Amino acid sequence: MEVKNCRKCGRIFNYIGGMPICPMCKENLEKKFEEVKNYIRENPQSGIPDISRDCEVETGQIQQWIREERLVFADDSPVGIPCERCGTMIHSGRYCDKCKAELASGLNNSIAKPQAPVNEPKKNTRDNPAMRFLR
């Protein structure tokens, strides 16, 4: 196990994996997430600045939850973040549907598909004018 300082509060803790924050800060962050989720249910037309101000959560944290697809908004919601590839406004995830499709097809095309070996016909050595030696 690795010992690290918490990125939020500075406490020392045993780091196992994931975000480098202590268990106490993780618990507080999950409580804030539940608070934000309930606020969005009650106020579906609120934007990120309103949610941030009323729930006392950083806008960057809200955007991270959206990118992680923990928060998903309806198509008619004013909440949106830019696609990381093309900048189109999206309601969850990192990429828009168009970019997801392009990335997936690019990955599929980059993977070499196994091909059957091509058997070349044997060359007739009698027609080959190379010099031959007998033993």
N, C-alpha and C. Protein backbone atom coordinates (compact mmCIF):
# COMPACT_ATOMS: atom_id res chain seq x y z
N MET A 1 0.83 -1.19 0.00
CA MET A 1 0.00 0.00 0.00
C MET A 1 0.87 1.25 0.00
N GLU A 2 0.32 2.26 -0.56
CA GLU A 2 1.04 3.52 -0.68
C GLU A 2 0.40 4.54 0.27
N VAL A 3 1.21 5.36 0.91
CA VAL A 3 0.71 6.40 1.79
C VAL A 3 0.77 7.73 1.05
N LYS A 4 -0.35 8.45 1.03
CA LYS A 4 -0.41 9.75 0.35
C LYS A 4 -1.10 10.77 1.23
N ASN A 5 -0.92 12.02 0.84
CA ASN A 5 -1.68 13.10 1.47
C ASN A 5 -2.95 13.32 0.66
N CYS A 6 -4.05 13.56 1.34
CA CYS A 6 -5.34 13.81 0.69
C CYS A 6 -5.25 15.11 -0.09
N ARG A 7 -5.74 15.10 -1.31
CA ARG A 7 -5.70 16.26 -2.18
C ARG A 7 -6.62 17.38 -1.66
N LYS A 8 -7.67 17.01 -0.92
CA LYS A 8 -8.62 18.01 -0.44
C LYS A 8 -8.25 18.58 0.92
N CYS A 9 -7.99 17.68 1.91
CA CYS A 9 -7.78 18.16 3.27
C CYS A 9 -6.33 18.07 3.75
N GLY A 10 -5.49 17.29 3.05
CA GLY A 10 -4.09 17.18 3.42
C GLY A 10 -3.78 16.06 4.39
N ARG A 11 -4.79 15.34 4.88
CA ARG A 11 -4.54 14.23 5.80
C ARG A 11 -3.76 13.12 5.10
N ILE A 12 -3.01 12.36 5.90
CA ILE A 12 -2.28 11.21 5.38
C ILE A 12 -3.23 10.01 5.44
N PHE A 13 -3.22 9.21 4.36
CA PHE A 13 -4.08 8.02 4.32
C PHE A 13 -3.43 6.95 3.46
N ASN A 14 -3.90 5.72 3.60
CA ASN A 14 -3.41 4.61 2.77
C ASN A 14 -4.13 4.67 1.44
N TYR A 15 -3.37 4.92 0.40
CA TYR A 15 -3.93 5.06 -0.95
C TYR A 15 -4.03 3.69 -1.59
N ILE A 16 -5.24 3.33 -2.03
CA ILE A 16 -5.45 2.04 -2.68
C ILE A 16 -5.59 2.23 -4.18
N GLY A 17 -6.33 3.24 -4.59
CA GLY A 17 -6.54 3.50 -6.01
C GLY A 17 -7.63 4.54 -6.17
N GLY A 18 -7.82 5.00 -7.39
CA GLY A 18 -8.84 6.00 -7.65
C GLY A 18 -8.33 7.40 -7.38
N MET A 19 -9.26 8.27 -6.99
CA MET A 19 -8.88 9.65 -6.69
C MET A 19 -8.04 9.69 -5.42
N PRO A 20 -7.01 10.52 -5.39
CA PRO A 20 -6.15 10.57 -4.21
C PRO A 20 -6.74 11.43 -3.09
N ILE A 21 -7.91 11.01 -2.58
CA ILE A 21 -8.51 11.70 -1.44
C ILE A 21 -8.82 10.68 -0.35
N CYS A 22 -8.80 11.14 0.89
CA CYS A 22 -8.99 10.25 2.03
C CYS A 22 -10.44 9.74 2.10
N PRO A 23 -10.66 8.66 2.83
CA PRO A 23 -12.02 8.11 2.93
C PRO A 23 -13.04 9.10 3.47
N MET A 24 -12.62 9.96 4.38
CA MET A 24 -13.54 10.95 4.95
C MET A 24 -13.99 11.96 3.88
N CYS A 25 -13.06 12.41 3.06
CA CYS A 25 -13.40 13.34 1.99
C CYS A 25 -14.23 12.66 0.91
N LYS A 26 -13.96 11.36 0.64
CA LYS A 26 -14.78 10.60 -0.32
C LYS A 26 -16.22 10.53 0.17
N GLU A 27 -16.38 10.28 1.45
CA GLU A 27 -17.73 10.20 2.03
C GLU A 27 -18.44 11.55 1.91
N ASN A 28 -17.73 12.63 2.22
CA ASN A 28 -18.32 13.97 2.09
C ASN A 28 -18.68 14.28 0.64
N LEU A 29 -17.84 13.84 -0.29
CA LEU A 29 -18.09 14.06 -1.71
C LEU A 29 -19.33 13.29 -2.17
N GLU A 30 -19.51 12.08 -1.67
CA GLU A 30 -20.70 11.29 -2.01
C GLU A 30 -21.96 11.94 -1.45
N LYS A 31 -21.86 12.51 -0.27
CA LYS A 31 -23.02 13.23 0.30
C LYS A 31 -23.38 14.43 -0.57
N LYS A 32 -22.36 15.15 -1.03
CA LYS A 32 -22.60 16.29 -1.91
C LYS A 32 -23.21 15.84 -3.23
N PHE A 33 -22.75 14.69 -3.74
CA PHE A 33 -23.31 14.16 -4.97
C PHE A 33 -24.81 13.88 -4.81
N GLU A 34 -25.18 13.24 -3.71
CA GLU A 34 -26.59 12.96 -3.45
C GLU A 34 -27.39 14.26 -3.33
N GLU A 35 -26.81 15.26 -2.69
CA GLU A 35 -27.47 16.56 -2.56
C GLU A 35 -27.68 17.20 -3.93
N VAL A 36 -26.67 17.15 -4.78
CA VAL A 36 -26.77 17.71 -6.13
C VAL A 36 -27.82 16.95 -6.93
N LYS A 37 -27.81 15.63 -6.83
CA LYS A 37 -28.76 14.81 -7.57
C LYS A 37 -30.20 15.13 -7.16
N ASN A 38 -30.44 15.28 -5.87
CA ASN A 38 -31.78 15.64 -5.39
C ASN A 38 -32.17 17.04 -5.83
N TYR A 39 -31.21 17.96 -5.82
CA TYR A 39 -31.49 19.34 -6.24
C TYR A 39 -31.90 19.36 -7.72
N ILE A 40 -31.21 18.58 -8.53
CA ILE A 40 -31.53 18.55 -9.96
C ILE A 40 -32.91 17.96 -10.20
N ARG A 41 -33.28 16.94 -9.41
CA ARG A 41 -34.63 16.37 -9.54
C ARG A 41 -35.70 17.40 -9.22
N GLU A 42 -35.45 18.21 -8.20
CA GLU A 42 -36.42 19.22 -7.78
C GLU A 42 -36.40 20.45 -8.69
N ASN A 43 -35.26 20.75 -9.28
CA ASN A 43 -35.09 21.94 -10.14
C ASN A 43 -34.49 21.52 -11.48
N PRO A 44 -35.27 20.88 -12.34
CA PRO A 44 -34.69 20.33 -13.58
C PRO A 44 -34.20 21.37 -14.58
N GLN A 45 -34.63 22.62 -14.48
CA GLN A 45 -34.21 23.64 -15.43
C GLN A 45 -33.05 24.49 -14.92
N SER A 46 -32.41 24.07 -13.83
CA SER A 46 -31.27 24.81 -13.28
C SER A 46 -30.02 24.54 -14.10
N GLY A 47 -29.17 25.56 -14.22
CA GLY A 47 -27.90 25.42 -14.91
C GLY A 47 -26.79 25.07 -13.93
N ILE A 48 -25.62 24.80 -14.45
CA ILE A 48 -24.48 24.43 -13.61
C ILE A 48 -24.13 25.52 -12.60
N PRO A 49 -24.12 26.81 -12.98
CA PRO A 49 -23.81 27.84 -11.98
C PRO A 49 -24.83 27.87 -10.83
N ASP A 50 -26.12 27.67 -11.15
CA ASP A 50 -27.15 27.65 -10.11
C ASP A 50 -26.96 26.46 -9.17
N ILE A 51 -26.70 25.31 -9.74
CA ILE A 51 -26.48 24.10 -8.95
C ILE A 51 -25.27 24.28 -8.05
N SER A 52 -24.20 24.83 -8.61
CA SER A 52 -22.97 25.05 -7.87
C SER A 52 -23.19 25.99 -6.70
N ARG A 53 -23.88 27.08 -6.96
CA ARG A 53 -24.12 28.08 -5.92
C ARG A 53 -25.03 27.54 -4.83
N ASP A 54 -26.14 26.90 -5.21
CA ASP A 54 -27.12 26.46 -4.22
C ASP A 54 -26.67 25.24 -3.43
N CYS A 55 -25.87 24.38 -4.02
CA CYS A 55 -25.40 23.17 -3.34
C CYS A 55 -23.99 23.31 -2.77
N GLU A 56 -23.36 24.45 -3.03
CA GLU A 56 -22.00 24.72 -2.56
C GLU A 56 -21.02 23.64 -3.03
N VAL A 57 -21.05 23.40 -4.34
CA VAL A 57 -20.15 22.45 -4.99
C VAL A 57 -19.46 23.18 -6.13
N GLU A 58 -18.19 22.90 -6.35
CA GLU A 58 -17.46 23.55 -7.44
C GLU A 58 -18.04 23.12 -8.79
N THR A 59 -18.04 24.05 -9.74
CA THR A 59 -18.56 23.72 -11.08
C THR A 59 -17.72 22.62 -11.73
N GLY A 60 -16.43 22.62 -11.45
CA GLY A 60 -15.56 21.58 -11.99
C GLY A 60 -15.95 20.19 -11.50
N GLN A 61 -16.39 20.10 -10.26
CA GLN A 61 -16.81 18.81 -9.72
C GLN A 61 -18.10 18.34 -10.39
N ILE A 62 -19.02 19.27 -10.64
CA ILE A 62 -20.27 18.92 -11.33
C ILE A 62 -19.94 18.45 -12.75
N GLN A 63 -19.05 19.16 -13.42
CA GLN A 63 -18.66 18.76 -14.78
C GLN A 63 -17.98 17.38 -14.77
N GLN A 64 -17.20 17.09 -13.75
CA GLN A 64 -16.56 15.78 -13.65
C GLN A 64 -17.61 14.68 -13.51
N TRP A 65 -18.64 14.91 -12.69
CA TRP A 65 -19.71 13.92 -12.54
C TRP A 65 -20.46 13.72 -13.85
N ILE A 66 -20.61 14.79 -14.62
CA ILE A 66 -21.27 14.67 -15.92
C ILE A 66 -20.40 13.87 -16.87
N ARG A 67 -19.10 14.14 -16.90
CA ARG A 67 -18.18 13.40 -17.77
C ARG A 67 -18.11 11.92 -17.39
N GLU A 68 -18.21 11.63 -16.10
CA GLU A 68 -18.20 10.24 -15.62
C GLU A 68 -19.54 9.56 -15.85
N GLU A 69 -20.51 10.30 -16.35
CA GLU A 69 -21.88 9.84 -16.59
C GLU A 69 -22.60 9.45 -15.31
N ARG A 70 -22.20 10.04 -14.20
CA ARG A 70 -22.93 9.86 -12.96
C ARG A 70 -24.14 10.78 -12.93
N LEU A 71 -24.01 11.94 -13.58
CA LEU A 71 -25.14 12.86 -13.76
C LEU A 71 -25.47 12.88 -15.24
N VAL A 72 -26.73 12.59 -15.56
CA VAL A 72 -27.19 12.58 -16.94
C VAL A 72 -28.40 13.50 -17.01
N PHE A 73 -28.40 14.40 -17.99
CA PHE A 73 -29.47 15.37 -18.13
C PHE A 73 -30.30 15.08 -19.37
N ALA A 74 -31.57 15.50 -19.31
CA ALA A 74 -32.47 15.32 -20.45
C ALA A 74 -32.06 16.25 -21.58
N ASP A 75 -32.56 15.95 -22.78
CA ASP A 75 -32.21 16.76 -23.95
C ASP A 75 -32.71 18.20 -23.84
N ASP A 76 -33.80 18.42 -23.10
CA ASP A 76 -34.34 19.78 -22.98
C ASP A 76 -33.72 20.56 -21.82
N SER A 77 -32.76 19.96 -21.13
CA SER A 77 -32.11 20.61 -19.99
C SER A 77 -31.11 21.67 -20.49
N PRO A 78 -30.99 22.78 -19.75
CA PRO A 78 -30.01 23.80 -20.15
C PRO A 78 -28.57 23.40 -19.81
N VAL A 79 -28.40 22.35 -19.03
CA VAL A 79 -27.07 21.91 -18.62
C VAL A 79 -26.40 21.18 -19.78
N GLY A 80 -25.19 21.58 -20.06
CA GLY A 80 -24.42 20.92 -21.10
C GLY A 80 -22.94 21.22 -20.92
N ILE A 81 -22.13 20.31 -21.41
CA ILE A 81 -20.68 20.49 -21.41
C ILE A 81 -20.20 20.21 -22.82
N PRO A 82 -19.07 20.79 -23.20
CA PRO A 82 -18.59 20.57 -24.58
C PRO A 82 -17.97 19.19 -24.76
N CYS A 83 -18.20 18.63 -25.94
CA CYS A 83 -17.55 17.38 -26.35
C CYS A 83 -16.04 17.63 -26.34
N GLU A 84 -15.28 16.71 -25.82
CA GLU A 84 -13.82 16.89 -25.73
C GLU A 84 -13.14 16.86 -27.09
N ARG A 85 -13.84 16.38 -28.10
CA ARG A 85 -13.22 16.27 -29.42
C ARG A 85 -13.63 17.40 -30.35
N CYS A 86 -14.95 17.70 -30.42
CA CYS A 86 -15.41 18.69 -31.41
C CYS A 86 -16.02 19.94 -30.78
N GLY A 87 -16.35 19.90 -29.48
CA GLY A 87 -16.89 21.08 -28.82
C GLY A 87 -18.41 21.19 -28.84
N THR A 88 -19.11 20.25 -29.45
CA THR A 88 -20.57 20.25 -29.45
C THR A 88 -21.07 20.07 -28.02
N MET A 89 -22.14 20.76 -27.67
CA MET A 89 -22.69 20.64 -26.32
C MET A 89 -23.36 19.27 -26.15
N ILE A 90 -23.01 18.57 -25.05
CA ILE A 90 -23.58 17.27 -24.74
C ILE A 90 -24.11 17.29 -23.31
N HIS A 91 -24.92 16.31 -22.95
CA HIS A 91 -25.54 16.27 -21.63
C HIS A 91 -24.92 15.25 -20.69
N SER A 92 -24.06 14.38 -21.19
CA SER A 92 -23.33 13.44 -20.34
C SER A 92 -22.19 12.83 -21.13
N GLY A 93 -21.23 12.30 -20.42
CA GLY A 93 -20.09 11.64 -21.05
C GLY A 93 -19.00 12.61 -21.48
N ARG A 94 -18.10 12.12 -22.30
CA ARG A 94 -16.97 12.93 -22.76
C ARG A 94 -17.09 13.33 -24.22
N TYR A 95 -17.80 12.50 -25.02
CA TYR A 95 -17.88 12.73 -26.45
C TYR A 95 -19.34 12.73 -26.91
N CYS A 96 -19.61 13.45 -27.98
CA CYS A 96 -20.94 13.43 -28.59
C CYS A 96 -21.11 12.11 -29.34
N ASP A 97 -22.34 11.81 -29.76
CA ASP A 97 -22.62 10.54 -30.45
C ASP A 97 -21.82 10.42 -31.75
N LYS A 98 -21.68 11.52 -32.47
CA LYS A 98 -20.95 11.50 -33.74
C LYS A 98 -19.48 11.14 -33.50
N CYS A 99 -18.86 11.78 -32.51
CA CYS A 99 -17.45 11.51 -32.23
C CYS A 99 -17.26 10.09 -31.68
N LYS A 100 -18.21 9.61 -30.87
CA LYS A 100 -18.13 8.24 -30.37
C LYS A 100 -18.11 7.26 -31.54
N ALA A 101 -18.99 7.49 -32.51
CA ALA A 101 -19.06 6.60 -33.67
C ALA A 101 -17.77 6.66 -34.48
N GLU A 102 -17.24 7.86 -34.68
CA GLU A 102 -16.00 8.01 -35.44
C GLU A 102 -14.82 7.34 -34.72
N LEU A 103 -14.74 7.51 -33.41
CA LEU A 103 -13.66 6.89 -32.64
C LEU A 103 -13.78 5.37 -32.67
N ALA A 104 -14.99 4.87 -32.55
CA ALA A 104 -15.19 3.42 -32.58
C ALA A 104 -14.82 2.84 -33.94
N SER A 105 -15.24 3.51 -35.01
CA SER A 105 -14.91 2.98 -36.34
C SER A 105 -13.41 3.10 -36.60
N GLY A 106 -12.79 4.14 -36.09
CA GLY A 106 -11.34 4.28 -36.24
C GLY A 106 -10.59 3.17 -35.52
N LEU A 107 -11.07 2.80 -34.33
CA LEU A 107 -10.44 1.70 -33.60
C LEU A 107 -10.66 0.38 -34.32
N ASN A 108 -11.88 0.17 -34.81
CA ASN A 108 -12.16 -1.07 -35.53
C ASN A 108 -11.30 -1.19 -36.79
N ASN A 109 -11.09 -0.08 -37.49
CA ASN A 109 -10.29 -0.11 -38.71
C ASN A 109 -8.79 -0.28 -38.41
N SER A 110 -8.36 0.16 -37.23
CA SER A 110 -6.93 0.09 -36.91
C SER A 110 -6.50 -1.30 -36.48
N ILE A 111 -7.45 -2.11 -36.05
CA ILE A 111 -7.11 -3.46 -35.63
C ILE A 111 -7.04 -4.34 -36.87
N ALA A 112 -5.89 -4.96 -37.06
CA ALA A 112 -5.70 -5.81 -38.25
C ALA A 112 -6.51 -7.08 -38.09
N LYS A 113 -7.32 -7.35 -39.08
CA LYS A 113 -8.12 -8.56 -39.07
C LYS A 113 -7.28 -9.70 -39.62
N PRO A 114 -7.34 -10.88 -39.00
CA PRO A 114 -6.53 -12.00 -39.50
C PRO A 114 -6.97 -12.41 -40.90
N GLN A 115 -5.99 -12.63 -41.74
CA GLN A 115 -6.27 -13.02 -43.12
C GLN A 115 -5.70 -14.41 -43.35
N ALA A 116 -6.37 -15.13 -44.20
CA ALA A 116 -5.89 -16.47 -44.53
C ALA A 116 -4.59 -16.34 -45.31
N PRO A 117 -3.62 -17.21 -45.02
CA PRO A 117 -2.34 -17.12 -45.74
C PRO A 117 -2.56 -17.43 -47.22
N VAL A 118 -1.90 -16.68 -48.04
CA VAL A 118 -2.01 -16.86 -49.48
C VAL A 118 -0.91 -17.84 -49.92
N ASN A 119 -1.32 -18.93 -50.52
CA ASN A 119 -0.35 -19.92 -50.99
C ASN A 119 0.12 -19.51 -52.39
N GLU A 120 1.40 -19.23 -52.48
CA GLU A 120 1.96 -18.87 -53.77
C GLU A 120 2.33 -20.16 -54.52
N PRO A 121 2.10 -20.18 -55.79
CA PRO A 121 2.48 -21.39 -56.53
C PRO A 121 4.00 -21.56 -56.52
N LYS A 122 4.42 -22.83 -56.48
CA LYS A 122 5.85 -23.10 -56.46
C LYS A 122 6.44 -22.78 -57.83
N LYS A 123 7.62 -22.23 -57.75
CA LYS A 123 8.31 -21.88 -59.00
C LYS A 123 8.94 -23.13 -59.60
N ASN A 124 8.88 -23.20 -60.87
CA ASN A 124 9.50 -24.31 -61.57
C ASN A 124 10.99 -24.04 -61.65
N THR A 125 11.78 -24.89 -61.04
CA THR A 125 13.22 -24.65 -61.00
C THR A 125 13.88 -24.94 -62.35
N ARG A 126 13.24 -25.68 -63.19
CA ARG A 126 13.83 -25.98 -64.51
C ARG A 126 13.85 -24.72 -65.38
N ASP A 127 12.88 -23.87 -65.17
CA ASP A 127 12.84 -22.65 -65.98
C ASP A 127 13.77 -21.60 -65.45
N ASN A 128 14.26 -21.79 -64.24
CA ASN A 128 15.14 -20.80 -63.61
C ASN A 128 16.57 -21.03 -64.11
N PRO A 129 17.19 -20.05 -64.74
CA PRO A 129 18.51 -20.26 -65.31
C PRO A 129 19.63 -20.21 -64.29
N ALA A 130 19.34 -20.27 -63.01
CA ALA A 130 20.39 -20.20 -61.99
C ALA A 130 21.27 -21.45 -62.07
N MET A 131 22.51 -21.32 -61.63
CA MET A 131 23.45 -22.42 -61.67
C MET A 131 23.14 -23.37 -60.53
N ARG A 132 23.22 -24.70 -60.82
CA ARG A 132 22.95 -25.72 -59.82
C ARG A 132 24.20 -26.57 -59.64
N PHE A 133 24.39 -27.04 -58.41
CA PHE A 133 25.52 -27.91 -58.13
C PHE A 133 25.00 -29.27 -57.69
N LEU A 134 25.66 -30.31 -58.11
CA LEU A 134 25.31 -31.67 -57.71
C LEU A 134 26.28 -32.09 -56.63
N ARG A 135 25.86 -32.92 -55.76
CA ARG A 135 26.72 -33.41 -54.67
C ARG A 135 27.22 -34.76 -54.94
